[in-house]
Amino acid sequence: MSKILRARINAEDVDEARSVRRRMADWDFINNQPPKIREALKYYIETGDIRRASYLAGLDIDDFREMLRKAKVPVVV
């Protein structure tokens, strides 16, 4: 029987990831996007939930990741 490894993520880790995303984001780029994409990028920055953010943007995950790269938002957990 194999062991299942589970990551333990605490509130400090979540807060730090959010802080990194906020700090590194290109806010000029984000604020110049159409409303749907702008709000989805902000949602991702605050929550880190790439699946829901891509859904909100109306983009598939690969296209949303490209938007994150252009917005200089790191994908951190």
N, C-alpha and C. Protein backbone atom coordinates (compact mmCIF):
# COMPACT_ATOMS: atom_id res chain seq x y z
N MET A 1 0.85 -1.18 0.00
CA MET A 1 0.00 0.00 0.00
C MET A 1 0.90 1.24 0.00
N SER A 2 0.63 2.16 -0.90
CA SER A 2 1.46 3.37 -0.98
C SER A 2 0.89 4.48 -0.12
N LYS A 3 1.80 5.34 0.31
CA LYS A 3 1.39 6.49 1.12
C LYS A 3 0.95 7.63 0.22
N ILE A 4 -0.02 8.36 0.68
CA ILE A 4 -0.46 9.56 -0.03
C ILE A 4 0.14 10.76 0.68
N LEU A 5 0.86 11.56 -0.09
CA LEU A 5 1.46 12.76 0.48
C LEU A 5 0.52 13.93 0.26
N ARG A 6 0.33 14.71 1.28
CA ARG A 6 -0.54 15.87 1.17
C ARG A 6 0.21 17.11 1.62
N ALA A 7 0.13 18.14 0.80
CA ALA A 7 0.77 19.39 1.15
C ALA A 7 -0.05 20.09 2.22
N ARG A 8 0.64 20.71 3.12
CA ARG A 8 -0.06 21.49 4.15
C ARG A 8 0.18 22.96 3.85
N ILE A 9 -0.88 23.62 3.54
CA ILE A 9 -0.80 25.04 3.22
C ILE A 9 -1.55 25.78 4.30
N ASN A 10 -0.84 26.66 4.98
CA ASN A 10 -1.49 27.41 6.05
C ASN A 10 -1.86 28.82 5.59
N ALA A 11 -2.53 29.55 6.43
CA ALA A 11 -3.00 30.90 6.08
C ALA A 11 -1.85 31.83 5.72
N GLU A 12 -0.71 31.67 6.39
CA GLU A 12 0.45 32.52 6.07
C GLU A 12 0.93 32.28 4.64
N ASP A 13 0.94 31.03 4.22
CA ASP A 13 1.36 30.71 2.85
C ASP A 13 0.41 31.34 1.83
N VAL A 14 -0.89 31.26 2.09
CA VAL A 14 -1.89 31.83 1.20
C VAL A 14 -1.72 33.34 1.13
N ASP A 15 -1.53 33.98 2.29
CA ASP A 15 -1.34 35.43 2.33
C ASP A 15 -0.07 35.86 1.60
N GLU A 16 0.99 35.10 1.77
CA GLU A 16 2.24 35.44 1.10
C GLU A 16 2.12 35.30 -0.42
N ALA A 17 1.46 34.24 -0.87
CA ALA A 17 1.26 34.05 -2.31
C ALA A 17 0.45 35.21 -2.88
N ARG A 18 -0.61 35.62 -2.18
CA ARG A 18 -1.43 36.74 -2.63
C ARG A 18 -0.59 38.01 -2.69
N SER A 19 0.23 38.22 -1.69
CA SER A 19 1.09 39.41 -1.64
C SER A 19 2.07 39.44 -2.81
N VAL A 20 2.64 38.29 -3.14
CA VAL A 20 3.58 38.20 -4.27
C VAL A 20 2.86 38.51 -5.57
N ARG A 21 1.67 37.93 -5.74
CA ARG A 21 0.90 38.20 -6.96
C ARG A 21 0.56 39.67 -7.08
N ARG A 22 0.14 40.29 -5.99
CA ARG A 22 -0.21 41.73 -6.01
C ARG A 22 1.01 42.58 -6.36
N ARG A 23 2.11 42.29 -5.71
CA ARG A 23 3.33 43.11 -5.85
C ARG A 23 3.92 43.02 -7.25
N MET A 24 3.90 41.85 -7.86
CA MET A 24 4.56 41.65 -9.14
C MET A 24 3.67 41.98 -10.34
N ALA A 25 2.37 42.11 -10.12
CA ALA A 25 1.43 42.34 -11.22
C ALA A 25 1.68 43.68 -11.90
N ASP A 26 1.47 43.71 -13.19
CA ASP A 26 1.55 44.94 -13.99
C ASP A 26 0.15 45.56 -13.99
N TRP A 27 -0.09 46.44 -13.02
CA TRP A 27 -1.43 46.99 -12.81
C TRP A 27 -1.87 47.90 -13.95
N ASP A 28 -0.95 48.54 -14.62
CA ASP A 28 -1.32 49.35 -15.80
C ASP A 28 -1.90 48.45 -16.88
N PHE A 29 -1.23 47.32 -17.14
CA PHE A 29 -1.72 46.37 -18.13
C PHE A 29 -3.10 45.83 -17.72
N ILE A 30 -3.21 45.42 -16.46
CA ILE A 30 -4.47 44.85 -15.97
C ILE A 30 -5.62 45.85 -16.10
N ASN A 31 -5.38 47.08 -15.68
CA ASN A 31 -6.45 48.08 -15.70
C ASN A 31 -6.83 48.52 -17.10
N ASN A 32 -6.04 48.21 -18.10
CA ASN A 32 -6.36 48.55 -19.48
C ASN A 32 -7.03 47.40 -20.24
N GLN A 33 -7.36 46.32 -19.55
CA GLN A 33 -8.03 45.19 -20.18
C GLN A 33 -9.54 45.40 -20.19
N PRO A 34 -10.24 44.69 -21.08
CA PRO A 34 -11.71 44.74 -21.05
C PRO A 34 -12.20 44.30 -19.67
N PRO A 35 -13.35 44.80 -19.24
CA PRO A 35 -13.84 44.52 -17.88
C PRO A 35 -13.84 43.05 -17.47
N LYS A 36 -14.28 42.17 -18.34
CA LYS A 36 -14.35 40.74 -18.00
C LYS A 36 -12.97 40.16 -17.69
N ILE A 37 -12.00 40.49 -18.51
CA ILE A 37 -10.64 39.97 -18.30
C ILE A 37 -9.99 40.66 -17.11
N ARG A 38 -10.18 41.97 -17.00
CA ARG A 38 -9.62 42.72 -15.87
C ARG A 38 -10.08 42.13 -14.54
N GLU A 39 -11.38 41.89 -14.42
CA GLU A 39 -11.91 41.36 -13.16
C GLU A 39 -11.45 39.93 -12.91
N ALA A 40 -11.31 39.15 -13.97
CA ALA A 40 -10.81 37.78 -13.81
C ALA A 40 -9.36 37.79 -13.34
N LEU A 41 -8.55 38.69 -13.88
CA LEU A 41 -7.15 38.80 -13.44
C LEU A 41 -7.09 39.20 -11.97
N LYS A 42 -7.92 40.16 -11.58
CA LYS A 42 -7.97 40.58 -10.17
C LYS A 42 -8.42 39.43 -9.28
N TYR A 43 -9.41 38.68 -9.76
CA TYR A 43 -9.91 37.53 -9.00
C TYR A 43 -8.77 36.52 -8.78
N TYR A 44 -8.02 36.24 -9.85
CA TYR A 44 -6.90 35.30 -9.71
C TYR A 44 -5.87 35.82 -8.72
N ILE A 45 -5.54 37.10 -8.82
CA ILE A 45 -4.54 37.68 -7.91
C ILE A 45 -4.97 37.50 -6.46
N GLU A 46 -6.24 37.71 -6.18
CA GLU A 46 -6.73 37.61 -4.80
C GLU A 46 -6.90 36.18 -4.31
N THR A 47 -7.29 35.26 -5.21
CA THR A 47 -7.63 33.91 -4.76
C THR A 47 -6.64 32.83 -5.19
N GLY A 48 -5.98 33.03 -6.34
CA GLY A 48 -5.10 32.00 -6.86
C GLY A 48 -5.85 30.88 -7.56
N ASP A 49 -7.16 31.04 -7.75
CA ASP A 49 -7.99 30.01 -8.38
C ASP A 49 -7.99 30.21 -9.90
N ILE A 50 -7.09 29.54 -10.58
CA ILE A 50 -6.92 29.75 -12.03
C ILE A 50 -8.09 29.18 -12.83
N ARG A 51 -8.68 28.12 -12.37
CA ARG A 51 -9.82 27.53 -13.10
C ARG A 51 -11.01 28.48 -13.11
N ARG A 52 -11.39 28.98 -11.96
CA ARG A 52 -12.53 29.88 -11.91
C ARG A 52 -12.22 31.20 -12.61
N ALA A 53 -11.00 31.71 -12.44
CA ALA A 53 -10.62 32.97 -13.08
C ALA A 53 -10.68 32.85 -14.60
N SER A 54 -10.20 31.72 -15.14
CA SER A 54 -10.25 31.54 -16.59
C SER A 54 -11.70 31.44 -17.06
N TYR A 55 -12.55 30.80 -16.27
CA TYR A 55 -13.97 30.71 -16.60
C TYR A 55 -14.60 32.11 -16.61
N LEU A 56 -14.29 32.91 -15.59
CA LEU A 56 -14.83 34.27 -15.51
C LEU A 56 -14.38 35.13 -16.70
N ALA A 57 -13.16 34.89 -17.15
CA ALA A 57 -12.61 35.64 -18.28
C ALA A 57 -13.19 35.16 -19.60
N GLY A 58 -13.77 33.97 -19.60
CA GLY A 58 -14.27 33.39 -20.85
C GLY A 58 -13.14 32.84 -21.71
N LEU A 59 -12.05 32.44 -21.07
CA LEU A 59 -10.88 31.91 -21.77
C LEU A 59 -10.59 30.51 -21.29
N ASP A 60 -9.95 29.69 -22.14
CA ASP A 60 -9.49 28.41 -21.62
C ASP A 60 -8.25 28.67 -20.78
N ILE A 61 -7.85 27.69 -20.03
CA ILE A 61 -6.76 27.90 -19.06
C ILE A 61 -5.47 28.32 -19.75
N ASP A 62 -5.15 27.73 -20.89
CA ASP A 62 -3.92 28.10 -21.59
C ASP A 62 -3.93 29.57 -22.01
N ASP A 63 -5.06 30.04 -22.53
CA ASP A 63 -5.15 31.45 -22.92
C ASP A 63 -5.11 32.37 -21.70
N PHE A 64 -5.73 31.92 -20.60
CA PHE A 64 -5.69 32.73 -19.38
C PHE A 64 -4.27 32.80 -18.82
N ARG A 65 -3.55 31.68 -18.89
CA ARG A 65 -2.14 31.69 -18.44
C ARG A 65 -1.33 32.69 -19.26
N GLU A 66 -1.63 32.77 -20.55
CA GLU A 66 -0.95 33.76 -21.40
C GLU A 66 -1.26 35.18 -20.93
N MET A 67 -2.50 35.43 -20.54
CA MET A 67 -2.86 36.75 -20.00
C MET A 67 -2.09 37.02 -18.70
N LEU A 68 -1.94 35.99 -17.88
CA LEU A 68 -1.18 36.15 -16.64
C LEU A 68 0.28 36.50 -16.94
N ARG A 69 0.85 35.86 -17.96
CA ARG A 69 2.23 36.18 -18.35
C ARG A 69 2.35 37.63 -18.81
N LYS A 70 1.41 38.06 -19.65
CA LYS A 70 1.43 39.44 -20.13
C LYS A 70 1.24 40.43 -18.98
N ALA A 71 0.45 40.03 -17.98
CA ALA A 71 0.19 40.90 -16.83
C ALA A 71 1.28 40.77 -15.77
N LYS A 72 2.27 39.90 -16.04
CA LYS A 72 3.39 39.67 -15.12
C LYS A 72 2.95 39.16 -13.75
N VAL A 73 1.87 38.41 -13.75
CA VAL A 73 1.36 37.82 -12.51
C VAL A 73 1.94 36.43 -12.38
N PRO A 74 2.72 36.18 -11.32
CA PRO A 74 3.29 34.84 -11.15
C PRO A 74 2.24 33.83 -10.74
N VAL A 75 2.41 32.59 -11.18
CA VAL A 75 1.52 31.52 -10.77
C VAL A 75 2.18 30.88 -9.55
N VAL A 76 1.75 31.34 -8.38
CA VAL A 76 2.28 30.80 -7.11
C VAL A 76 1.13 30.25 -6.30
N VAL A 77 1.44 29.21 -5.54
CA VAL A 77 0.41 28.56 -4.73
C VAL A 77 0.67 28.88 -3.28
